[in-house]
Every structure is written in C-alpha cells, then in structure tokens.
PDB file of all heavy atoms in Angstrom:
ATOM      1  N   GLN A   1      77.873 112.062  78.499  1.00  0.00           N
ATOM      2  CA  GLN A   1      79.146 111.364  78.690  1.00  0.00           C
ATOM      3  C   GLN A   1      79.468 111.197  80.174  1.00  0.00           C
ATOM      4  O   GLN A   1      80.033 110.176  80.576  1.00  0.00           O
ATOM      5  CB  GLN A   1      80.271 112.117  77.978  1.00  0.00           C
ATOM      6  CG  GLN A   1      80.175 112.027  76.458  1.00  0.00           C
ATOM      7  CD  GLN A   1      81.345 112.692  75.753  1.00  0.00           C
ATOM      8  OE1 GLN A   1      82.270 113.192  76.388  1.00  0.00           O
ATOM      9  NE2 GLN A   1      81.300 112.700  74.430  1.00  0.00           N
ATOM     10  N   LEU A   2      79.111 112.176  80.984  1.00  0.00           N
ATOM     11  CA  LEU A   2      79.272 112.016  82.433  1.00  0.00           C
ATOM     12  C   LEU A   2      78.435 110.846  82.925  1.00  0.00           C
ATOM     13  O   LEU A   2      78.910 110.018  83.723  1.00  0.00           O
ATOM     14  CB  LEU A   2      78.861 113.295  83.160  1.00  0.00           C
ATOM     15  CG  LEU A   2      78.780 113.202  84.692  1.00  0.00           C
ATOM     16  CD1 LEU A   2      80.150 112.897  85.293  1.00  0.00           C
ATOM     17  CD2 LEU A   2      78.213 114.489  85.283  1.00  0.00           C
ATOM     18  N   LEU A   3      77.205 110.752  82.464  1.00  0.00           N
ATOM     19  CA  LEU A   3      76.325 109.657  82.871  1.00  0.00           C
ATOM     20  C   LEU A   3      76.928 108.309  82.494  1.00  0.00           C
ATOM     21  O   LEU A   3      76.949 107.371  83.305  1.00  0.00           O
ATOM     22  CB  LEU A   3      74.956 109.824  82.221  1.00  0.00           C
ATOM     23  CG  LEU A   3      73.925 108.719  82.479  1.00  0.00           C
ATOM     24  CD1 LEU A   3      73.635 108.587  83.973  1.00  0.00           C
ATOM     25  CD2 LEU A   3      72.635 109.008  81.713  1.00  0.00           C
ATOM     26  N   VAL A   4      77.432 108.198  81.289  1.00  0.00           N
ATOM     27  CA  VAL A   4      78.069 106.959  80.840  1.00  0.00           C
ATOM     28  C   VAL A   4      79.263 106.624  81.729  1.00  0.00           C
ATOM     29  O   VAL A   4      79.425 105.484  82.180  1.00  0.00           O
ATOM     30  CB  VAL A   4      78.525 107.072  79.370  1.00  0.00           C
ATOM     31  CG1 VAL A   4      79.407 105.878  78.984  1.00  0.00           C
ATOM     32  CG2 VAL A   4      77.325 107.147  78.442  1.00  0.00           C
ATOM     33  N   ALA A   5      80.097 107.612  82.009  1.00  0.00           N
ATOM     34  CA  ALA A   5      81.298 107.389  82.825  1.00  0.00           C
ATOM     35  C   ALA A   5      80.933 106.950  84.238  1.00  0.00           C
ATOM     36  O   ALA A   5      81.585 106.061  84.805  1.00  0.00           O
ATOM     37  CB  ALA A   5      82.142 108.662  82.865  1.00  0.00           C
ATOM     38  N   VAL A   6      79.891 107.547  84.806  1.00  0.00           N
ATOM     39  CA  VAL A   6      79.488 107.179  86.169  1.00  0.00           C
ATOM     40  C   VAL A   6      78.930 105.761  86.188  1.00  0.00           C
ATOM     41  O   VAL A   6      79.214 104.980  87.103  1.00  0.00           O
ATOM     42  CB  VAL A   6      78.467 108.185  86.737  1.00  0.00           C
ATOM     43  CG1 VAL A   6      78.002 107.740  88.116  1.00  0.00           C
ATOM     44  CG2 VAL A   6      79.070 109.574  86.821  1.00  0.00           C
ATOM     45  N   VAL A   7      78.138 105.407  85.196  1.00  0.00           N
ATOM     46  CA  VAL A   7      77.610 104.038  85.113  1.00  0.00           C
ATOM     47  C   VAL A   7      78.764 103.040  85.009  1.00  0.00           C
ATOM     48  O   VAL A   7      78.780 102.004  85.682  1.00  0.00           O
ATOM     49  CB  VAL A   7      76.654 103.888  83.909  1.00  0.00           C
ATOM     50  CG1 VAL A   7      76.331 102.414  83.662  1.00  0.00           C
ATOM     51  CG2 VAL A   7      75.370 104.673  84.147  1.00  0.00           C
ATOM     52  N   LEU A   8      79.756 103.353  84.200  1.00  0.00           N
ATOM     53  CA  LEU A   8      80.903 102.455  84.035  1.00  0.00           C
ATOM     54  C   LEU A   8      81.758 102.370  85.297  1.00  0.00           C
ATOM     55  O   LEU A   8      82.399 101.350  85.549  1.00  0.00           O
ATOM     56  CB  LEU A   8      81.771 102.935  82.870  1.00  0.00           C
ATOM     57  CG  LEU A   8      81.208 102.760  81.464  1.00  0.00           C
ATOM     58  CD1 LEU A   8      82.120 103.431  80.443  1.00  0.00           C
ATOM     59  CD2 LEU A   8      81.032 101.286  81.120  1.00  0.00           C
ATOM     60  N   SER A   9      81.752 103.431  86.092  1.00  0.00           N
ATOM     61  CA  SER A   9      82.650 103.490  87.250  1.00  0.00           C
ATOM     62  C   SER A   9      82.206 102.648  88.433  1.00  0.00           C
ATOM     63  O   SER A   9      82.961 102.492  89.398  1.00  0.00           O
ATOM     64  CB  SER A   9      82.820 104.949  87.713  1.00  0.00           C
ATOM     65  OG  SER A   9      81.633 105.432  88.320  1.00  0.00           O
ATOM     66  N   ALA A  10      81.005 102.087  88.378  1.00  0.00           N
ATOM     67  CA  ALA A  10      80.526 101.257  89.482  1.00  0.00           C
ATOM     68  C   ALA A  10      81.485 100.091  89.710  1.00  0.00           C
ATOM     69  O   ALA A  10      81.764  99.321  88.788  1.00  0.00           O
ATOM     70  CB  ALA A  10      79.117 100.736  89.183  1.00  0.00           C
ATOM     71  N   GLN A  11      82.017  99.994  90.925  1.00  0.00           N
ATOM     72  CA  GLN A  11      82.966  98.949  91.313  1.00  0.00           C
ATOM     73  C   GLN A  11      84.183  98.924  90.390  1.00  0.00           C
ATOM     74  O   GLN A  11      84.717  97.868  90.057  1.00  0.00           O
ATOM     75  CB  GLN A  11      82.280  97.581  91.356  1.00  0.00           C
ATOM     76  CG  GLN A  11      81.138  97.536  92.366  1.00  0.00           C
ATOM     77  CD  GLN A  11      80.556  96.153  92.528  1.00  0.00           C
ATOM     78  OE1 GLN A  11      81.284  95.171  92.639  1.00  0.00           O
ATOM     79  NE2 GLN A  11      79.241  96.075  92.545  1.00  0.00           N
ATOM     80  N   CYS A  12      84.606 100.115  89.982  1.00  0.00           N
ATOM     81  CA  CYS A  12      85.778 100.244  89.123  1.00  0.00           C
ATOM     82  C   CYS A  12      86.406 101.602  89.408  1.00  0.00           C
ATOM     83  O   CYS A  12      85.728 102.531  89.857  1.00  0.00           O
ATOM     84  CB  CYS A  12      85.353 100.156  87.654  1.00  0.00           C
ATOM     85  SG  CYS A  12      86.705  99.806  86.507  1.00  0.00           S
ATOM     86  N   THR A  13      87.686 101.757  89.160  1.00  0.00           N
ATOM     87  CA  THR A  13      88.360 103.009  89.482  1.00  0.00           C
ATOM     88  C   THR A  13      88.135 104.067  88.396  1.00  0.00           C
ATOM     89  O   THR A  13      87.981 103.743  87.212  1.00  0.00           O
ATOM     90  CB  THR A  13      89.874 102.795  89.637  1.00  0.00           C
ATOM     91  OG1 THR A  13      90.438 102.414  88.366  1.00  0.00           O
ATOM     92  CG2 THR A  13      90.161 101.711  90.673  1.00  0.00           C
ATOM     93  N   ASP A  14      88.151 105.332  88.814  1.00  0.00           N
ATOM     94  CA  ASP A  14      88.037 106.419  87.848  1.00  0.00           C
ATOM     95  C   ASP A  14      89.204 106.393  86.868  1.00  0.00           C
ATOM     96  O   ASP A  14      89.055 106.748  85.690  1.00  0.00           O
ATOM     97  CB  ASP A  14      88.009 107.766  88.571  1.00  0.00           C
ATOM     98  CG  ASP A  14      86.686 108.020  89.283  1.00  0.00           C
ATOM     99  OD1 ASP A  14      85.804 107.146  89.230  1.00  0.00           O
ATOM    100  OD2 ASP A  14      86.535 109.090  89.902  1.00  0.00           O
ATOM    101  N   LYS A  15      90.377 105.995  87.339  1.00  0.00           N
ATOM    102  CA  LYS A  15      91.550 105.917  86.471  1.00  0.00           C
ATOM    103  C   LYS A  15      91.311 104.956  85.322  1.00  0.00           C
ATOM    104  O   LYS A  15      91.645 105.254  84.164  1.00  0.00           O
ATOM    105  CB  LYS A  15      92.769 105.465  87.286  1.00  0.00           C
ATOM    106  CG  LYS A  15      94.062 105.419  86.481  1.00  0.00           C
ATOM    107  CD  LYS A  15      95.238 105.011  87.364  1.00  0.00           C
ATOM    108  CE  LYS A  15      96.540 104.947  86.564  1.00  0.00           C
ATOM    109  NZ  LYS A  15      97.693 104.547  87.424  1.00  0.00           N
ATOM    110  N   ARG A  16      90.721 103.816  85.607  1.00  0.00           N
ATOM    111  CA  ARG A  16      90.422 102.836  84.569  1.00  0.00           C
ATOM    112  C   ARG A  16      89.391 103.393  83.591  1.00  0.00           C
ATOM    113  O   ARG A  16      89.509 103.244  82.371  1.00  0.00           O
ATOM    114  CB  ARG A  16      89.931 101.540  85.222  1.00  0.00           C
ATOM    115  CG  ARG A  16      89.226 100.528  84.295  1.00  0.00           C
ATOM    116  CD  ARG A  16      89.984 100.189  83.059  1.00  0.00           C
ATOM    117  NE  ARG A  16      91.359  99.806  83.308  1.00  0.00           N
ATOM    118  CZ  ARG A  16      92.281  99.620  82.359  1.00  0.00           C
ATOM    119  NH1 ARG A  16      91.965  99.801  81.090  1.00  0.00           N
ATOM    120  NH2 ARG A  16      93.506  99.262  82.678  1.00  0.00           N
ATOM    121  N   ILE A  17      88.359 104.058  84.123  1.00  0.00           N
ATOM    122  CA  ILE A  17      87.317 104.612  83.255  1.00  0.00           C
ATOM    123  C   ILE A  17      87.894 105.691  82.354  1.00  0.00           C
ATOM    124  O   ILE A  17      87.593 105.740  81.148  1.00  0.00           O
ATOM    125  CB  ILE A  17      86.158 105.180  84.098  1.00  0.00           C
ATOM    126  CG1 ILE A  17      85.583 104.089  85.009  1.00  0.00           C
ATOM    127  CG2 ILE A  17      85.075 105.742  83.187  1.00  0.00           C
ATOM    128  CD1 ILE A  17      85.190 102.812  84.302  1.00  0.00           C
ATOM    129  N   ASN A  18      88.728 106.561  82.902  1.00  0.00           N
ATOM    130  CA  ASN A  18      89.334 107.627  82.097  1.00  0.00           C
ATOM    131  C   ASN A  18      90.265 107.080  81.023  1.00  0.00           C
ATOM    132  O   ASN A  18      90.544 107.765  80.029  1.00  0.00           O
ATOM    133  CB  ASN A  18      90.100 108.598  82.995  1.00  0.00           C
ATOM    134  CG  ASN A  18      89.177 109.458  83.838  1.00  0.00           C
ATOM    135  OD1 ASN A  18      88.013 109.657  83.511  1.00  0.00           O
ATOM    136  ND2 ASN A  18      89.711 109.972  84.940  1.00  0.00           N
ATOM    137  N   ALA A  19      90.752 105.863  81.215  1.00  0.00           N
ATOM    138  CA  ALA A  19      91.644 105.252  80.225  1.00  0.00           C
ATOM    139  C   ALA A  19      90.873 104.733  79.013  1.00  0.00           C
ATOM    140  O   ALA A  19      91.423 104.677  77.903  1.00  0.00           O
ATOM    141  CB  ALA A  19      92.435 104.110  80.866  1.00  0.00           C
ATOM    142  N   ILE A  20      89.611 104.372  79.216  1.00  0.00           N
ATOM    143  CA  ILE A  20      88.853 103.778  78.108  1.00  0.00           C
ATOM    144  C   ILE A  20      87.852 104.732  77.453  1.00  0.00           C
ATOM    145  O   ILE A  20      87.508 104.562  76.280  1.00  0.00           O
ATOM    146  CB  ILE A  20      88.107 102.507  78.559  1.00  0.00           C
ATOM    147  CG1 ILE A  20      86.979 102.859  79.529  1.00  0.00           C
ATOM    148  CG2 ILE A  20      89.057 101.486  79.169  1.00  0.00           C
ATOM    149  CD1 ILE A  20      86.010 101.725  79.761  1.00  0.00           C
ATOM    150  N   THR A  21      87.366 105.725  78.192  1.00  0.00           N
ATOM    151  CA  THR A  21      86.304 106.564  77.635  1.00  0.00           C
ATOM    152  C   THR A  21      86.722 107.409  76.429  1.00  0.00           C
ATOM    153  O   THR A  21      85.878 107.679  75.566  1.00  0.00           O
ATOM    154  CB  THR A  21      85.679 107.473  78.711  1.00  0.00           C
ATOM    155  OG1 THR A  21      86.709 108.145  79.459  1.00  0.00           O
ATOM    156  CG2 THR A  21      84.806 106.657  79.649  1.00  0.00           C
ATOM    157  N   PRO A  22      87.989 107.852  76.292  1.00  0.00           N
ATOM    158  CA  PRO A  22      88.325 108.584  75.064  1.00  0.00           C
ATOM    159  C   PRO A  22      88.048 107.780  73.803  1.00  0.00           C
ATOM    160  O   PRO A  22      87.550 108.324  72.799  1.00  0.00           O
ATOM    161  CB  PRO A  22      89.824 108.880  75.227  1.00  0.00           C
ATOM    162  CG  PRO A  22      90.022 108.940  76.706  1.00  0.00           C
ATOM    163  CD  PRO A  22      89.118 107.870  77.246  1.00  0.00           C
ATOM    164  N   PHE A  23      88.352 106.491  73.816  1.00  0.00           N
ATOM    165  CA  PHE A  23      88.102 105.628  72.664  1.00  0.00           C
ATOM    166  C   PHE A  23      86.610 105.361  72.503  1.00  0.00           C
ATOM    167  O   PHE A  23      86.086 105.340  71.385  1.00  0.00           O
ATOM    168  CB  PHE A  23      88.869 104.309  72.827  1.00  0.00           C
ATOM    169  CG  PHE A  23      90.338 104.496  73.061  1.00  0.00           C
ATOM    170  CD1 PHE A  23      90.873 104.440  74.347  1.00  0.00           C
ATOM    171  CD2 PHE A  23      91.203 104.749  72.005  1.00  0.00           C
ATOM    172  CE1 PHE A  23      92.234 104.619  74.560  1.00  0.00           C
ATOM    173  CE2 PHE A  23      92.564 104.928  72.220  1.00  0.00           C
ATOM    174  CZ  PHE A  23      93.079 104.867  73.502  1.00  0.00           C
ATOM    175  N   LEU A  24      85.936 105.173  73.632  1.00  0.00           N
ATOM    176  CA  LEU A  24      84.494 104.921  73.597  1.00  0.00           C
ATOM    177  C   LEU A  24      83.740 106.132  73.062  1.00  0.00           C
ATOM    178  O   LEU A  24      82.887 106.007  72.167  1.00  0.00           O
ATOM    179  CB  LEU A  24      84.006 104.580  75.012  1.00  0.00           C
ATOM    180  CG  LEU A  24      82.508 104.315  75.180  1.00  0.00           C
ATOM    181  CD1 LEU A  24      82.107 103.045  74.451  1.00  0.00           C
ATOM    182  CD2 LEU A  24      82.161 104.207  76.666  1.00  0.00           C
ATOM    183  N   PHE A  25      84.070 107.322  73.583  1.00  0.00           N
ATOM    184  CA  PHE A  25      83.346 108.528  73.190  1.00  0.00           C
ATOM    185  C   PHE A  25      83.708 108.992  71.781  1.00  0.00           C
ATOM    186  O   PHE A  25      82.949 109.748  71.169  1.00  0.00           O
ATOM    187  CB  PHE A  25      83.607 109.645  74.195  1.00  0.00           C
ATOM    188  CG  PHE A  25      83.010 109.387  75.555  1.00  0.00           C
ATOM    189  CD1 PHE A  25      83.595 109.923  76.696  1.00  0.00           C
ATOM    190  CD2 PHE A  25      81.881 108.592  75.702  1.00  0.00           C
ATOM    191  CE1 PHE A  25      83.050 109.693  77.948  1.00  0.00           C
ATOM    192  CE2 PHE A  25      81.336 108.342  76.950  1.00  0.00           C
ATOM    193  CZ  PHE A  25      81.917 108.895  78.078  1.00  0.00           C
ATOM    194  N   LYS A  26      84.845 108.562  71.272  1.00  0.00           N
ATOM    195  CA  LYS A  26      85.206 108.906  69.898  1.00  0.00           C
ATOM    196  C   LYS A  26      84.222 108.278  68.918  1.00  0.00           C
ATOM    197  O   LYS A  26      83.799 108.905  67.943  1.00  0.00           O
ATOM    198  CB  LYS A  26      86.623 108.433  69.582  1.00  0.00           C
ATOM    199  CG  LYS A  26      87.068 108.754  68.154  1.00  0.00           C
ATOM    200  CD  LYS A  26      88.476 108.253  67.895  1.00  0.00           C
ATOM    201  CE  LYS A  26      88.889 108.546  66.458  1.00  0.00           C
ATOM    202  NZ  LYS A  26      90.275 108.034  66.164  1.00  0.00           N
ATOM    203  N   ASP A  27      83.834 107.026  69.192  1.00  0.00           N
ATOM    204  CA  ASP A  27      82.915 106.321  68.292  1.00  0.00           C
ATOM    205  C   ASP A  27      81.463 106.424  68.730  1.00  0.00           C
ATOM    206  O   ASP A  27      80.548 106.286  67.908  1.00  0.00           O
ATOM    207  CB  ASP A  27      83.317 104.849  68.193  1.00  0.00           C
ATOM    208  CG  ASP A  27      84.622 104.647  67.431  1.00  0.00           C
ATOM    209  OD1 ASP A  27      85.061 105.594  66.747  1.00  0.00           O
ATOM    210  OD2 ASP A  27      85.209 103.556  67.537  1.00  0.00           O
ATOM    211  N   PHE A  28      81.248 106.671  70.036  1.00  0.00           N
ATOM    212  CA  PHE A  28      79.889 106.797  70.557  1.00  0.00           C
ATOM    213  C   PHE A  28      79.804 108.067  71.415  1.00  0.00           C
ATOM    214  O   PHE A  28      79.825 108.002  72.640  1.00  0.00           O
ATOM    215  CB  PHE A  28      79.507 105.571  71.387  1.00  0.00           C
ATOM    216  CG  PHE A  28      79.649 104.265  70.657  1.00  0.00           C
ATOM    217  CD1 PHE A  28      80.744 103.435  70.898  1.00  0.00           C
ATOM    218  CD2 PHE A  28      78.718 103.869  69.719  1.00  0.00           C
ATOM    219  CE1 PHE A  28      80.889 102.234  70.222  1.00  0.00           C
ATOM    220  CE2 PHE A  28      78.849 102.663  69.038  1.00  0.00           C
ATOM    221  CZ  PHE A  28      79.929 101.846  69.280  1.00  0.00           C
ATOM    222  N   PRO A  29      79.707 109.228  70.781  1.00  0.00           N
ATOM    223  CA  PRO A  29      79.771 110.486  71.536  1.00  0.00           C
ATOM    224  C   PRO A  29      78.480 110.889  72.233  1.00  0.00           C
ATOM    225  O   PRO A  29      78.503 111.725  73.137  1.00  0.00           O
ATOM    226  CB  PRO A  29      80.127 111.511  70.455  1.00  0.00           C
ATOM    227  CG  PRO A  29      79.518 110.939  69.211  1.00  0.00           C
ATOM    228  CD  PRO A  29      79.692 109.455  69.325  1.00  0.00           C
ATOM    229  N   ASP A  30      77.355 110.302  71.814  1.00  0.00           N
ATOM    230  CA  ASP A  30      76.072 110.742  72.366  1.00  0.00           C
ATOM    231  C   ASP A  30      75.092 109.582  72.464  1.00  0.00           C
ATOM    232  O   ASP A  30      75.384 108.455  72.060  1.00  0.00           O
ATOM    233  CB  ASP A  30      75.482 111.867  71.504  1.00  0.00           C
ATOM    234  CG  ASP A  30      75.463 111.506  70.018  1.00  0.00           C
ATOM    235  OD1 ASP A  30      75.344 110.303  69.695  1.00  0.00           O
ATOM    236  OD2 ASP A  30      75.571 112.423  69.184  1.00  0.00           O
ATOM    237  N   ALA A  31      73.925 109.892  73.005  1.00  0.00           N
ATOM    238  CA  ALA A  31      72.917 108.846  73.214  1.00  0.00           C
ATOM    239  C   ALA A  31      72.452 108.237  71.893  1.00  0.00           C
ATOM    240  O   ALA A  31      72.207 107.028  71.797  1.00  0.00           O
ATOM    241  CB  ALA A  31      71.728 109.429  73.977  1.00  0.00           C
TER     242      ALA A  31
END
C-alpha cells in the first residue's frame, strides 16, 4: 500500500492521495 501511495503521489499532494486511498485500499488491499 505504501508503494501504491508513492506511485500515486507523483506530481500530486500527499493530502490528495490520503483522501482517496482509504476507498481504493478497501476494494484493492493487496497486489
């Protein structure tokens, strides 16, 4: 999940990533 968050954070704020990852990780928790 850290890897996913870091990939998503490229040219984007951590605040934005933290806003979407709870929903993303709920349905896609692992590789």
